[in-house]
């Protein structure tokens, strides 16, 4: 049975959709408690699953199949009647983002998804990270998030030095995503390949690349986490309006 952590919306409100969050290297479900809580406050049912495992003991296709089966199970039962609260949006960070992109780009049917958010998709030539303090500096400038990572005994320190399999990254960057996609990256992310990310986003039929000023690799949990959560919710809301933003700026003196 798939393990996940549930975050419920305010009591009495209709659930506006299902969001399944996939952590990245070394992260746990607790890593995304703050992000999940913000989305749940807007009446989304949020489930955070365990990070996918790509340890070289099986081929990438087999690992993706196992990952897809776990995701399909996690999507079930999010509505009050036991069904699925639509739309279903999959959110991945770091290697979790790579796994989602690669999975959705495969020809065979995967888990139900109406949209995807890919945050902090790593590049293929990531620099060495070093000590835990150096890893924290690569991950985030947010004091609260640094404390969350340091205080969680299940977080695997040094995990950013573990290479994401080349086959997985190639599949992620070459994927033709069948659903609308929001790419999120920090402009201070040392692990990102901005050129490759831009090419991938521009190759999709329905995608948006949002760059977060000053953000590091853990873009969902960095100092501007409120703005990133708001950007994510705004993207979720466009799914009800044929991807057209509900709010547009017609005049500004800024």
C-alpha atoms as a PDB file:
ATOM      1  CA  UNK A   1       0.000   0.000   0.000  1.00  0.00           C
ATOM      2  CA  UNK A   2       1.262   3.463  -0.901  1.00  0.00           C
ATOM      3  CA  UNK A   3       2.180   5.637   2.062  1.00  0.00           C
ATOM      4  CA  UNK A   4       1.320   9.312   1.974  1.00  0.00           C
ATOM      5  CA  UNK A   5       0.521  12.269   4.199  1.00  0.00           C
ATOM      6  CA  UNK A   6      -2.859  13.959   3.750  1.00  0.00           C
ATOM      7  CA  UNK A   7      -3.543  17.680   4.064  1.00  0.00           C
ATOM      8  CA  UNK A   8      -7.231  18.610   4.122  1.00  0.00           C
ATOM      9  CA  UNK A   9      -8.936  21.852   3.158  1.00  0.00           C
ATOM     10  CA  UNK A  10     -11.096  23.932   5.508  1.00  0.00           C
ATOM     11  CA  UNK A  11     -14.138  22.089   6.817  1.00  0.00           C
ATOM     12  CA  UNK A  12     -17.336  22.747   4.917  1.00  0.00           C
ATOM     13  CA  UNK A  13     -15.712  23.849   1.650  1.00  0.00           C
ATOM     14  CA  UNK A  14     -15.953  21.901  -1.587  1.00  0.00           C
ATOM     15  CA  UNK A  15     -12.635  20.306  -2.509  1.00  0.00           C
ATOM     16  CA  UNK A  16     -11.303  22.128  -5.557  1.00  0.00           C
ATOM     17  CA  UNK A  17      -8.978  19.382  -6.751  1.00  0.00           C
ATOM     18  CA  UNK A  18      -6.312  16.852  -5.881  1.00  0.00           C
ATOM     19  CA  UNK A  19      -2.620  17.720  -5.603  1.00  0.00           C
ATOM     20  CA  UNK A  20      -0.057  14.936  -5.181  1.00  0.00           C
ATOM     21  CA  UNK A  21       3.425  16.128  -4.196  1.00  0.00           C
ATOM     22  CA  UNK A  22       6.541  14.068  -5.015  1.00  0.00           C
ATOM     23  CA  UNK A  23       9.676  14.992  -3.004  1.00  0.00           C
ATOM     24  CA  UNK A  24      13.218  15.009  -4.369  1.00  0.00           C
ATOM     25  CA  UNK A  25      16.569  13.580  -3.331  1.00  0.00           C
ATOM     26  CA  UNK A  26      16.944  13.084   0.382  1.00  0.00           C
ATOM     27  CA  UNK A  27      13.621  14.715   1.227  1.00  0.00           C
ATOM     28  CA  UNK A  28      10.737  13.313   3.244  1.00  0.00           C
ATOM     29  CA  UNK A  29       7.016  13.937   3.299  1.00  0.00           C
ATOM     30  CA  UNK A  30       7.563  16.332   6.216  1.00  0.00           C
ATOM     31  CA  UNK A  31       9.716  18.506   3.947  1.00  0.00           C
ATOM     32  CA  UNK A  32       6.555  19.666   2.160  1.00  0.00           C
ATOM     33  CA  UNK A  33       4.261  20.223   5.133  1.00  0.00           C
ATOM     34  CA  UNK A  34       4.303  24.017   4.774  1.00  0.00           C
ATOM     35  CA  UNK A  35       3.776  24.000   0.993  1.00  0.00           C
ATOM     36  CA  UNK A  36       0.989  21.410   1.260  1.00  0.00           C
ATOM     37  CA  UNK A  37      -0.703  23.370   4.032  1.00  0.00           C
ATOM     38  CA  UNK A  38      -0.814  26.521   1.919  1.00  0.00           C
ATOM     39  CA  UNK A  39      -2.470  24.700  -0.995  1.00  0.00           C
ATOM     40  CA  UNK A  40      -4.855  22.867   1.333  1.00  0.00           C
ATOM     41  CA  UNK A  41      -5.928  26.213   2.812  1.00  0.00           C
ATOM     42  CA  UNK A  42      -7.250  27.056  -0.675  1.00  0.00           C
ATOM     43  CA  UNK A  43      -9.489  23.955  -0.492  1.00  0.00           C
ATOM     44  CA  UNK A  44      -7.249  21.534  -2.398  1.00  0.00           C
ATOM     45  CA  UNK A  45      -6.770  17.996  -1.119  1.00  0.00           C
ATOM     46  CA  UNK A  46      -3.008  17.570  -0.944  1.00  0.00           C
ATOM     47  CA  UNK A  47      -1.196  14.277  -0.593  1.00  0.00           C
ATOM     48  CA  UNK A  48       2.566  14.066  -0.178  1.00  0.00           C
ATOM     49  CA  UNK A  49       4.088  10.716  -1.143  1.00  0.00           C
ATOM     50  CA  UNK A  50       7.539   9.297  -0.495  1.00  0.00           C
ATOM     51  CA  UNK A  51      10.358  10.271  -2.855  1.00  0.00           C
ATOM     52  CA  UNK A  52      10.863   7.831  -5.747  1.00  0.00           C
ATOM     53  CA  UNK A  53      13.860   5.501  -5.578  1.00  0.00           C
ATOM     54  CA  UNK A  54      16.231   5.185  -8.531  1.00  0.00           C
ATOM     55  CA  UNK A  55      19.165   3.336  -6.992  1.00  0.00           C
ATOM     56  CA  UNK A  56      20.500   1.433  -9.992  1.00  0.00           C
ATOM     57  CA  UNK A  57      19.137  -1.928  -8.858  1.00  0.00           C
ATOM     58  CA  UNK A  58      16.632  -1.943 -11.730  1.00  0.00           C
ATOM     59  CA  UNK A  59      16.358  -0.283 -15.096  1.00  0.00           C
ATOM     60  CA  UNK A  60      14.793   3.165 -15.339  1.00  0.00           C
ATOM     61  CA  UNK A  61      11.696   1.814 -17.088  1.00  0.00           C
ATOM     62  CA  UNK A  62      11.000  -0.660 -14.292  1.00  0.00           C
ATOM     63  CA  UNK A  63      11.520   1.978 -11.613  1.00  0.00           C
ATOM     64  CA  UNK A  64       9.189   4.366 -13.440  1.00  0.00           C
ATOM     65  CA  UNK A  65       6.547   1.645 -13.685  1.00  0.00           C
ATOM     66  CA  UNK A  66       6.714   1.037  -9.947  1.00  0.00           C
ATOM     67  CA  UNK A  67       6.609   4.780  -9.292  1.00  0.00           C
ATOM     68  CA  UNK A  68       3.591   5.203 -11.594  1.00  0.00           C
ATOM     69  CA  UNK A  69       1.677   2.451  -9.828  1.00  0.00           C
ATOM     70  CA  UNK A  70       2.274   4.107  -6.449  1.00  0.00           C
ATOM     71  CA  UNK A  71       1.102   7.459  -7.798  1.00  0.00           C
ATOM     72  CA  UNK A  72      -2.065   5.943  -9.270  1.00  0.00           C
ATOM     73  CA  UNK A  73      -2.869   4.502  -5.853  1.00  0.00           C
ATOM     74  CA  UNK A  74      -2.197   7.822  -4.122  1.00  0.00           C
ATOM     75  CA  UNK A  75      -4.655   9.672  -6.376  1.00  0.00           C
ATOM     76  CA  UNK A  76      -7.605   7.484  -5.373  1.00  0.00           C
ATOM     77  CA  UNK A  77     -10.089   8.418  -2.664  1.00  0.00           C
ATOM     78  CA  UNK A  78      -9.565  12.167  -2.444  1.00  0.00           C
ATOM     79  CA  UNK A  79     -13.230  13.099  -2.888  1.00  0.00           C
ATOM     80  CA  UNK A  80     -15.822  12.935  -0.123  1.00  0.00           C
ATOM     81  CA  UNK A  81     -17.638  10.101  -1.902  1.00  0.00           C
ATOM     82  CA  UNK A  82     -14.473   8.015  -2.166  1.00  0.00           C
ATOM     83  CA  UNK A  83     -13.781   9.013  -5.768  1.00  0.00           C
ATOM     84  CA  UNK A  84     -11.219  11.470  -7.079  1.00  0.00           C
ATOM     85  CA  UNK A  85     -11.517  15.239  -6.659  1.00  0.00           C
ATOM     86  CA  UNK A  86     -10.672  16.768 -10.049  1.00  0.00           C
ATOM     87  CA  UNK A  87      -8.558  18.264 -11.453  1.00  0.00           C
ATOM     88  CA  UNK A  88      -5.622  16.067 -10.485  1.00  0.00           C
ATOM     89  CA  UNK A  89      -2.299  17.914 -10.451  1.00  0.00           C
ATOM     90  CA  UNK A  90       1.038  16.184  -9.861  1.00  0.00           C
ATOM     91  CA  UNK A  91       3.809  18.304  -8.302  1.00  0.00           C
ATOM     92  CA  UNK A  92       7.415  17.126  -8.321  1.00  0.00           C
ATOM     93  CA  UNK A  93      10.613  18.618  -6.941  1.00  0.00           C
ATOM     94  CA  UNK A  94      14.200  17.861  -7.971  1.00  0.00           C
ATOM     95  CA  UNK A  95      14.437  14.148  -8.902  1.00  0.00           C
ATOM     96  CA  UNK A  96      10.713  13.894  -8.179  1.00  0.00           C
ATOM     97  CA  UNK A  97      10.145  16.414 -10.981  1.00  0.00           C
ATOM     98  CA  UNK A  98      12.387  14.398 -13.309  1.00  0.00           C
ATOM     99  CA  UNK A  99      10.485  11.221 -12.467  1.00  0.00           C
ATOM    100  CA  UNK A 100       7.117  12.873 -13.150  1.00  0.00           C
ATOM    101  CA  UNK A 101       8.223  14.319 -16.498  1.00  0.00           C
ATOM    102  CA  UNK A 102       9.718  11.010 -17.611  1.00  0.00           C
ATOM    103  CA  UNK A 103       6.638   9.079 -16.469  1.00  0.00           C
ATOM    104  CA  UNK A 104       4.133  11.368 -18.182  1.00  0.00           C
ATOM    105  CA  UNK A 105       6.210  11.383 -21.366  1.00  0.00           C
ATOM    106  CA  UNK A 106       5.954   7.622 -21.815  1.00  0.00           C
ATOM    107  CA  UNK A 107       3.607   6.133 -24.397  1.00  0.00           C
ATOM    108  CA  UNK A 108       1.890   3.786 -21.969  1.00  0.00           C
ATOM    109  CA  UNK A 109      -0.866   4.991 -19.696  1.00  0.00           C
ATOM    110  CA  UNK A 110       0.284   6.388 -16.365  1.00  0.00           C
ATOM    111  CA  UNK A 111      -1.505   7.773 -13.303  1.00  0.00           C
ATOM    112  CA  UNK A 112      -4.387  10.143 -13.829  1.00  0.00           C
ATOM    113  CA  UNK A 113      -3.134  13.702 -14.298  1.00  0.00           C
ATOM    114  CA  UNK A 114      -4.773  16.878 -15.566  1.00  0.00           C
ATOM    115  CA  UNK A 115      -1.651  19.016 -15.111  1.00  0.00           C
ATOM    116  CA  UNK A 116       1.878  18.868 -13.714  1.00  0.00           C
ATOM    117  CA  UNK A 117       4.160  21.228 -11.801  1.00  0.00           C
ATOM    118  CA  UNK A 118       7.905  20.582 -12.195  1.00  0.00           C
ATOM    119  CA  UNK A 119       9.963  22.447  -9.590  1.00  0.00           C
ATOM    120  CA  UNK A 120      13.742  22.562  -9.453  1.00  0.00           C
ATOM    121  CA  UNK A 121      14.283  20.111 -12.305  1.00  0.00           C
ATOM    122  CA  UNK A 122      18.019  19.364 -12.011  1.00  0.00           C
ATOM    123  CA  UNK A 123      20.503  19.563 -14.851  1.00  0.00           C
ATOM    124  CA  UNK A 124      22.763  16.723 -15.923  1.00  0.00           C
ATOM    125  CA  UNK A 125      26.008  18.396 -14.826  1.00  0.00           C
ATOM    126  CA  UNK A 126      25.354  19.265 -11.196  1.00  0.00           C
ATOM    127  CA  UNK A 127      28.317  20.609  -9.179  1.00  0.00           C
ATOM    128  CA  UNK A 128      29.511  18.870  -6.022  1.00  0.00           C
ATOM    129  CA  UNK A 129      27.649  20.061  -2.938  1.00  0.00           C
ATOM    130  CA  UNK A 130      30.022  19.194  -0.064  1.00  0.00           C
ATOM    131  CA  UNK A 131      29.181  19.507   3.653  1.00  0.00           C
ATOM    132  CA  UNK A 132      25.702  19.713   5.146  1.00  0.00           C
ATOM    133  CA  UNK A 133      25.985  23.479   5.594  1.00  0.00           C
ATOM    134  CA  UNK A 134      27.017  23.777   1.951  1.00  0.00           C
ATOM    135  CA  UNK A 135      24.107  21.572   0.921  1.00  0.00           C
ATOM    136  CA  UNK A 136      21.728  23.804   2.869  1.00  0.00           C
ATOM    137  CA  UNK A 137      23.167  26.830   1.064  1.00  0.00           C
ATOM    138  CA  UNK A 138      22.451  25.142  -2.279  1.00  0.00           C
ATOM    139  CA  UNK A 139      18.965  24.156  -1.208  1.00  0.00           C
ATOM    140  CA  UNK A 140      17.511  27.252   0.440  1.00  0.00           C
ATOM    141  CA  UNK A 141      18.045  30.626   2.081  1.00  0.00           C
ATOM    142  CA  UNK A 142      14.880  30.285   4.190  1.00  0.00           C
ATOM    143  CA  UNK A 143      15.778  29.926   7.903  1.00  0.00           C
ATOM    144  CA  UNK A 144      12.583  28.008   8.673  1.00  0.00           C
ATOM    145  CA  UNK A 145      13.159  25.495   5.887  1.00  0.00           C
ATOM    146  CA  UNK A 146      16.811  25.057   6.844  1.00  0.00           C
ATOM    147  CA  UNK A 147      15.577  24.242  10.349  1.00  0.00           C
ATOM    148  CA  UNK A 148      13.005  21.789   9.004  1.00  0.00           C
ATOM    149  CA  UNK A 149      15.642  19.923   6.987  1.00  0.00           C
ATOM    150  CA  UNK A 150      18.215  19.921   9.796  1.00  0.00           C
ATOM    151  CA  UNK A 151      15.695  18.809  12.408  1.00  0.00           C
ATOM    152  CA  UNK A 152      14.317  15.876  10.380  1.00  0.00           C
ATOM    153  CA  UNK A 153      16.371  12.767  11.155  1.00  0.00           C
ATOM    154  CA  UNK A 154      14.963  11.030   8.073  1.00  0.00           C
ATOM    155  CA  UNK A 155      16.376  13.595   5.637  1.00  0.00           C
ATOM    156  CA  UNK A 156      19.397  12.027   3.895  1.00  0.00           C
ATOM    157  CA  UNK A 157      22.238  14.482   4.176  1.00  0.00           C
ATOM    158  CA  UNK A 158      24.540  14.569   1.165  1.00  0.00           C
ATOM    159  CA  UNK A 159      21.803  13.323  -1.137  1.00  0.00           C
ATOM    160  CA  UNK A 160      22.280  16.161  -3.632  1.00  0.00           C
ATOM    161  CA  UNK A 161      25.694  14.640  -4.405  1.00  0.00           C
ATOM    162  CA  UNK A 162      23.896  11.489  -5.593  1.00  0.00           C
ATOM    163  CA  UNK A 163      23.598  11.757  -9.363  1.00  0.00           C
ATOM    164  CA  UNK A 164      20.161  11.539 -10.957  1.00  0.00           C
ATOM    165  CA  UNK A 165      20.382   8.696 -13.538  1.00  0.00           C
ATOM    166  CA  UNK A 166      21.261  10.022 -16.988  1.00  0.00           C
ATOM    167  CA  UNK A 167      18.489   7.943 -18.567  1.00  0.00           C
ATOM    168  CA  UNK A 168      15.915   9.511 -16.246  1.00  0.00           C
ATOM    169  CA  UNK A 169      17.095  13.065 -16.950  1.00  0.00           C
ATOM    170  CA  UNK A 170      17.170  12.433 -20.700  1.00  0.00           C
ATOM    171  CA  UNK A 171      13.627  11.085 -20.586  1.00  0.00           C
ATOM    172  CA  UNK A 172      12.494  14.067 -18.518  1.00  0.00           C
ATOM    173  CA  UNK A 173      13.987  16.728 -20.788  1.00  0.00           C
ATOM    174  CA  UNK A 174      12.866  14.979 -23.963  1.00  0.00           C
ATOM    175  CA  UNK A 175       9.335  14.222 -22.743  1.00  0.00           C
ATOM    176  CA  UNK A 176       6.349  15.467 -24.680  1.00  0.00           C
ATOM    177  CA  UNK A 177       4.016  16.197 -21.805  1.00  0.00           C
ATOM    178  CA  UNK A 178       0.361  15.369 -22.522  1.00  0.00           C
ATOM    179  CA  UNK A 179      -0.969  17.832 -19.919  1.00  0.00           C
ATOM    180  CA  UNK A 180      -0.431  21.523 -19.107  1.00  0.00           C
ATOM    181  CA  UNK A 181       2.834  22.076 -17.239  1.00  0.00           C
ATOM    182  CA  UNK A 182       4.207  24.738 -14.933  1.00  0.00           C
ATOM    183  CA  UNK A 183       8.011  24.751 -14.655  1.00  0.00           C
ATOM    184  CA  UNK A 184       9.401  26.515 -11.578  1.00  0.00           C
ATOM    185  CA  UNK A 185      13.077  27.369 -11.118  1.00  0.00           C
ATOM    186  CA  UNK A 186      15.034  29.727  -8.903  1.00  0.00           C
ATOM    187  CA  UNK A 187      17.391  32.157 -10.574  1.00  0.00           C
ATOM    188  CA  UNK A 188      20.006  31.229  -7.930  1.00  0.00           C
ATOM    189  CA  UNK A 189      19.648  27.474  -8.444  1.00  0.00           C
ATOM    190  CA  UNK A 190      23.178  26.095  -8.909  1.00  0.00           C
ATOM    191  CA  UNK A 191      21.847  22.672  -9.916  1.00  0.00           C
ATOM    192  CA  UNK A 192      19.626  23.897 -12.751  1.00  0.00           C
ATOM    193  CA  UNK A 193      20.437  23.951 -16.455  1.00  0.00           C
ATOM    194  CA  UNK A 194      18.458  27.033 -17.463  1.00  0.00           C
ATOM    195  CA  UNK A 195      19.144  26.664 -21.187  1.00  0.00           C
ATOM    196  CA  UNK A 196      17.989  23.045 -21.273  1.00  0.00           C
ATOM    197  CA  UNK A 197      15.002  23.869 -19.075  1.00  0.00           C
ATOM    198  CA  UNK A 198      13.960  26.734 -21.353  1.00  0.00           C
ATOM    199  CA  UNK A 199      14.224  24.524 -24.444  1.00  0.00           C
ATOM    200  CA  UNK A 200      12.127  21.825 -22.788  1.00  0.00           C
ATOM    201  CA  UNK A 201       9.441  24.264 -21.660  1.00  0.00           C
ATOM    202  CA  UNK A 202       9.279  25.900 -25.087  1.00  0.00           C
ATOM    203  CA  UNK A 203       8.977  22.496 -26.780  1.00  0.00           C
ATOM    204  CA  UNK A 204       5.722  21.723 -24.957  1.00  0.00           C
ATOM    205  CA  UNK A 205       2.342  22.581 -26.415  1.00  0.00           C
ATOM    206  CA  UNK A 206       1.016  23.895 -23.070  1.00  0.00           C
ATOM    207  CA  UNK A 207       3.685  25.022 -20.640  1.00  0.00           C
ATOM    208  CA  UNK A 208       4.858  28.004 -18.645  1.00  0.00           C
ATOM    209  CA  UNK A 209       8.321  28.575 -17.178  1.00  0.00           C
ATOM    210  CA  UNK A 210       8.288  30.751 -14.061  1.00  0.00           C
ATOM    211  CA  UNK A 211      11.611  31.976 -12.659  1.00  0.00           C
ATOM    212  CA  UNK A 212      11.665  32.912  -8.975  1.00  0.00           C
ATOM    213  CA  UNK A 213      13.934  35.821  -8.105  1.00  0.00           C
ATOM    214  CA  UNK A 214      16.611  34.907  -5.568  1.00  0.00           C
ATOM    215  CA  UNK A 215      15.359  31.348  -5.122  1.00  0.00           C
ATOM    216  CA  UNK A 216      17.686  28.390  -4.693  1.00  0.00           C
ATOM    217  CA  UNK A 217      17.226  24.720  -5.615  1.00  0.00           C
ATOM    218  CA  UNK A 218      14.360  23.998  -3.189  1.00  0.00           C
ATOM    219  CA  UNK A 219      12.218  26.550  -4.998  1.00  0.00           C
ATOM    220  CA  UNK A 220       8.972  25.406  -3.337  1.00  0.00           C
ATOM    221  CA  UNK A 221      10.496  25.971   0.094  1.00  0.00           C
ATOM    222  CA  UNK A 222      12.817  28.942  -0.273  1.00  0.00           C
ATOM    223  CA  UNK A 223      12.478  32.452   1.128  1.00  0.00           C
ATOM    224  CA  UNK A 224       9.791  33.365  -1.422  1.00  0.00           C
ATOM    225  CA  UNK A 225       7.686  30.309  -0.632  1.00  0.00           C
ATOM    226  CA  UNK A 226       4.502  32.390  -0.266  1.00  0.00           C
ATOM    227  CA  UNK A 227       4.837  33.782  -3.781  1.00  0.00           C
ATOM    228  CA  UNK A 228       5.672  30.334  -5.176  1.00  0.00           C
ATOM    229  CA  UNK A 229       2.630  28.805  -3.508  1.00  0.00           C
ATOM    230  CA  UNK A 230       0.511  31.655  -4.910  1.00  0.00           C
ATOM    231  CA  UNK A 231       1.945  31.055  -8.401  1.00  0.00           C
ATOM    232  CA  UNK A 232       1.076  27.368  -8.056  1.00  0.00           C
ATOM    233  CA  UNK A 233      -2.491  28.105  -6.949  1.00  0.00           C
ATOM    234  CA  UNK A 234      -2.914  30.604  -9.803  1.00  0.00           C
ATOM    235  CA  UNK A 235      -1.824  27.857 -12.213  1.00  0.00           C
ATOM    236  CA  UNK A 236      -4.281  25.410 -10.636  1.00  0.00           C
ATOM    237  CA  UNK A 237      -7.093  27.898 -11.065  1.00  0.00           C
ATOM    238  CA  UNK A 238      -6.352  28.396 -14.784  1.00  0.00           C
ATOM    239  CA  UNK A 239      -7.226  24.738 -15.339  1.00  0.00           C
ATOM    240  CA  UNK A 240     -10.885  25.739 -14.935  1.00  0.00           C
ATOM    241  CA  UNK A 241     -10.539  28.559 -17.457  1.00  0.00           C
ATOM    242  CA  UNK A 242      -8.848  26.886 -20.438  1.00  0.00           C
ATOM    243  CA  UNK A 243      -5.427  27.968 -19.110  1.00  0.00           C
ATOM    244  CA  UNK A 244      -6.357  31.645 -19.304  1.00  0.00           C
ATOM    245  CA  UNK A 245      -5.342  33.532 -16.127  1.00  0.00           C
ATOM    246  CA  UNK A 246      -8.354  34.632 -14.135  1.00  0.00           C
ATOM    247  CA  UNK A 247      -6.680  37.951 -13.253  1.00  0.00           C
ATOM    248  CA  UNK A 248      -4.894  40.094 -15.839  1.00  0.00           C
ATOM    249  CA  UNK A 249      -3.195  43.476 -15.435  1.00  0.00           C
ATOM    250  CA  UNK A 250      -4.546  46.034 -17.873  1.00  0.00           C
ATOM    251  CA  UNK A 251      -2.882  49.118 -16.415  1.00  0.00           C
ATOM    252  CA  UNK A 252      -0.049  49.751 -13.993  1.00  0.00           C
ATOM    253  CA  UNK A 253       2.093  52.706 -12.945  1.00  0.00           C
ATOM    254  CA  UNK A 254       4.752  50.571 -11.220  1.00  0.00           C
END
